[in-house]
Amino acid sequence: MTLARALLDFVTRPVDLVIRRWNWKAAFSSSIVRAAIFFFANLTAGWRAALGAMAAEYCFRAVTSGFYGAMTQHFSLVEPEWQAAAGAMVLLPIVSHSMEFVLHWLRHTPHLRTSIISSMSFTVISTLFNFYAMRRGTLLVGKDSPSLLSDLRRMPRIIAGFLAVVPLWAWRSVRSLAA
């Protein structure tokens, strides 16, 4: 599938692609990690402020990250892979962090800038990681998808492969230039 087709699918079939395929694995993991990010980013404003920011982020991500996971899963079907990754890296953060900013601005999260920058930094890594894992059959939901336990068993190999992507790409580039 092309990137243009995937984007058109989101416009023409949003219920099927984003709601029916809501990715509970993404919602589960993202809500926990992002709640911790907001807790620690706001801890210097006091434990009540930190807990409030953490609770708001947890609830927000418990719902919305499943939609972003579904979108990432759909992007994982796009060829070439670099276009799919670019599409996911542009669309998801714009939608996600726009809503996140509004939520925390309305609730007067004390360290909003630090919180959002930390969350955006995590998004860059987590979106690419989830995309990488999904292209390799992990963290998927839906018919015939592996269990969370199966995904967790494969995680060390997935993490190692993800961490090796850039060094391997650089090595291949250097070798092709030398040849």
Protein backbone atom coordinates (compact mmCIF):
# COMPACT_ATOMS: atom_id res chain seq x y z
CA MET A 1 0.00 0.00 0.00
CA THR A 2 1.20 3.53 -0.70
CA LEU A 3 1.38 6.36 1.81
CA ALA A 4 -1.26 8.28 -0.16
CA ARG A 5 -3.59 5.26 0.04
CA ALA A 6 -3.06 4.94 3.79
CA LEU A 7 -3.84 8.63 4.33
CA LEU A 8 -6.94 8.34 2.15
CA ASP A 9 -8.01 5.30 4.17
CA PHE A 10 -7.90 7.37 7.38
CA VAL A 11 -10.24 9.91 5.79
CA THR A 12 -12.63 7.44 4.15
CA ARG A 13 -12.61 4.62 6.75
CA PRO A 14 -11.82 6.19 10.15
CA VAL A 15 -14.24 4.04 12.14
CA ASP A 16 -12.84 0.80 10.74
CA LEU A 17 -9.16 1.78 10.93
CA VAL A 18 -8.98 3.80 14.11
CA ILE A 19 -11.94 2.83 16.31
CA ARG A 20 -12.56 -0.84 15.52
CA ARG A 21 -8.82 -1.51 15.42
CA TRP A 22 -8.10 0.43 18.61
CA ASN A 23 -4.72 -0.90 19.78
CA TRP A 24 -5.04 -1.80 23.46
CA LYS A 25 -1.37 -2.79 23.64
CA ALA A 26 -0.33 0.75 22.66
CA ALA A 27 -2.86 2.26 25.08
CA PHE A 28 -1.63 0.09 27.94
CA SER A 29 2.08 0.78 27.51
CA SER A 30 1.87 4.43 26.48
CA SER A 31 -0.45 5.50 29.29
CA ILE A 32 1.90 4.09 31.92
CA VAL A 33 5.09 5.59 30.47
CA ARG A 34 3.61 9.00 29.69
CA ALA A 35 1.93 9.28 33.08
CA ALA A 36 5.37 8.77 34.63
CA ILE A 37 6.86 11.43 32.34
CA PHE A 38 4.27 14.00 33.44
CA PHE A 39 4.64 13.00 37.10
CA PHE A 40 8.39 13.55 37.14
CA ALA A 41 8.26 16.67 34.96
CA ASN A 42 5.90 18.29 37.49
CA LEU A 43 7.28 16.92 40.76
CA THR A 44 9.13 20.16 41.58
CA ALA A 45 5.73 21.91 41.64
CA GLY A 46 4.65 19.60 44.47
CA TRP A 47 3.32 16.10 44.72
CA ARG A 48 -0.33 17.20 44.22
CA ALA A 49 0.54 18.96 40.97
CA ALA A 50 2.60 15.97 39.87
CA LEU A 51 -0.19 13.51 40.67
CA GLY A 52 -2.75 15.72 38.92
CA ALA A 53 -0.63 15.94 35.76
CA MET A 54 0.04 12.21 35.94
CA ALA A 55 -3.65 11.32 36.33
CA ALA A 56 -4.71 13.62 33.49
CA GLU A 57 -2.06 12.21 31.17
CA TYR A 58 -2.82 8.62 32.14
CA CYS A 59 -6.53 9.02 31.38
CA PHE A 60 -5.84 10.95 28.16
CA ARG A 61 -3.33 8.37 26.88
CA ALA A 62 -5.33 5.34 28.05
CA VAL A 63 -7.99 6.41 25.55
CA THR A 64 -6.07 8.13 22.74
CA SER A 65 -2.96 5.96 22.46
CA GLY A 66 -5.09 3.08 21.25
CA PHE A 67 -6.12 5.24 18.28
CA TYR A 68 -2.52 6.23 17.55
CA GLY A 69 -1.49 2.59 17.84
CA ALA A 70 -4.17 1.67 15.31
CA MET A 71 -2.88 4.38 12.97
CA THR A 72 0.72 3.18 13.41
CA GLN A 73 -0.39 -0.37 12.70
CA HIS A 74 -2.02 0.81 9.44
CA PHE A 75 1.10 2.82 8.51
CA SER A 76 3.16 -0.34 9.05
CA LEU A 77 1.61 -1.76 5.86
CA VAL A 78 2.90 1.09 3.67
CA GLU A 79 5.76 0.62 1.21
CA PRO A 80 8.42 1.86 0.95
CA GLU A 81 9.18 1.63 4.65
CA TRP A 82 10.82 5.07 4.87
CA GLN A 83 7.64 6.76 3.55
CA ALA A 84 5.55 4.91 6.11
CA ALA A 85 7.87 5.98 8.92
CA ALA A 86 7.82 9.59 7.71
CA GLY A 87 4.03 9.58 7.52
CA ALA A 88 3.71 8.21 11.03
CA MET A 89 6.31 10.66 12.36
CA VAL A 90 4.46 13.68 10.95
CA LEU A 91 0.77 12.88 11.38
CA LEU A 92 0.71 11.21 14.79
CA PRO A 93 2.72 13.80 16.77
CA ILE A 94 0.78 16.72 15.29
CA VAL A 95 -2.56 15.23 16.29
CA SER A 96 -1.39 13.75 19.57
CA HIS A 97 0.52 16.67 21.02
CA SER A 98 -1.95 19.30 19.89
CA MET A 99 -4.65 17.65 21.98
CA GLU A 100 -2.23 16.90 24.80
CA PHE A 101 -1.16 20.54 24.97
CA VAL A 102 -4.76 21.77 25.11
CA LEU A 103 -5.65 19.29 27.86
CA HIS A 104 -2.76 20.30 30.08
CA TRP A 105 -3.09 24.00 29.29
CA LEU A 106 -6.76 23.90 30.33
CA ARG A 107 -5.92 22.10 33.56
CA HIS A 108 -2.99 24.48 34.23
CA THR A 109 -0.27 21.83 34.42
CA PRO A 110 2.58 23.71 36.14
CA HIS A 111 5.56 22.67 34.00
CA LEU A 112 3.69 22.47 30.72
CA ARG A 113 6.66 23.23 28.48
CA THR A 114 8.91 20.62 30.10
CA SER A 115 6.08 18.09 30.11
CA ILE A 116 5.20 18.54 26.44
CA ILE A 117 8.82 18.59 25.26
CA SER A 118 9.51 15.39 27.24
CA SER A 119 6.40 13.78 25.83
CA MET A 120 7.28 14.82 22.26
CA SER A 121 10.78 13.41 22.67
CA PHE A 122 9.30 10.15 23.83
CA THR A 123 6.89 10.19 20.87
CA VAL A 124 9.76 10.33 18.37
CA ILE A 125 11.32 7.22 19.84
CA SER A 126 8.13 5.32 20.68
CA THR A 127 6.47 5.92 17.31
CA LEU A 128 9.52 4.70 15.43
CA PHE A 129 9.88 1.75 17.81
CA ASN A 130 6.21 0.76 17.56
CA PHE A 131 6.36 1.13 13.78
CA TYR A 132 9.48 -1.06 13.66
CA ALA A 133 7.93 -3.69 15.96
CA MET A 134 4.63 -3.75 14.04
CA ARG A 135 6.42 -4.23 10.72
CA ARG A 136 7.90 -7.33 12.34
CA GLY A 137 4.58 -8.72 13.60
CA THR A 138 4.80 -7.52 17.21
CA LEU A 139 2.46 -5.22 19.19
CA LEU A 140 -0.32 -5.85 16.67
CA VAL A 141 -3.98 -6.26 17.59
CA GLY A 142 -6.79 -7.85 15.68
CA LYS A 143 -7.56 -11.24 14.22
CA ASP A 144 -4.61 -13.65 14.33
CA SER A 145 -2.36 -11.18 16.17
CA PRO A 146 0.03 -12.56 18.79
CA SER A 147 -0.73 -12.30 22.49
CA LEU A 148 0.90 -9.67 24.68
CA LEU A 149 2.92 -12.42 26.35
CA SER A 150 4.19 -13.57 22.95
CA ASP A 151 5.09 -9.97 22.13
CA LEU A 152 6.98 -9.63 25.41
CA ARG A 153 8.96 -12.78 24.69
CA ARG A 154 10.05 -11.33 21.34
CA MET A 155 10.82 -7.91 22.80
CA PRO A 156 14.56 -8.38 23.50
CA ARG A 157 15.14 -9.28 19.85
CA ILE A 158 12.90 -6.45 18.62
CA ILE A 159 14.70 -3.92 20.84
CA ALA A 160 18.12 -5.16 19.68
CA GLY A 161 17.06 -4.93 16.04
CA PHE A 162 15.63 -1.45 16.55
CA LEU A 163 18.83 -0.22 18.21
CA ALA A 164 20.89 -1.71 15.37
CA VAL A 165 18.95 -0.04 12.52
CA VAL A 166 21.01 3.15 12.29
CA PRO A 167 24.44 1.53 12.82
CA LEU A 168 23.63 -1.15 10.22
CA TRP A 169 22.39 1.46 7.75
CA ALA A 170 25.60 3.49 8.26
CA TRP A 171 27.76 0.38 7.84
CA ARG A 172 25.99 -0.59 4.59
CA SER A 173 26.31 2.97 3.29
CA VAL A 174 30.04 3.08 3.99
CA ARG A 175 30.55 -0.35 2.39
CA SER A 176 28.60 0.63 -0.74
CA LEU A 177 30.64 3.83 -1.10
CA ALA A 178 33.88 1.89 -0.75
CA ALA A 179 32.86 -0.70 -3.34
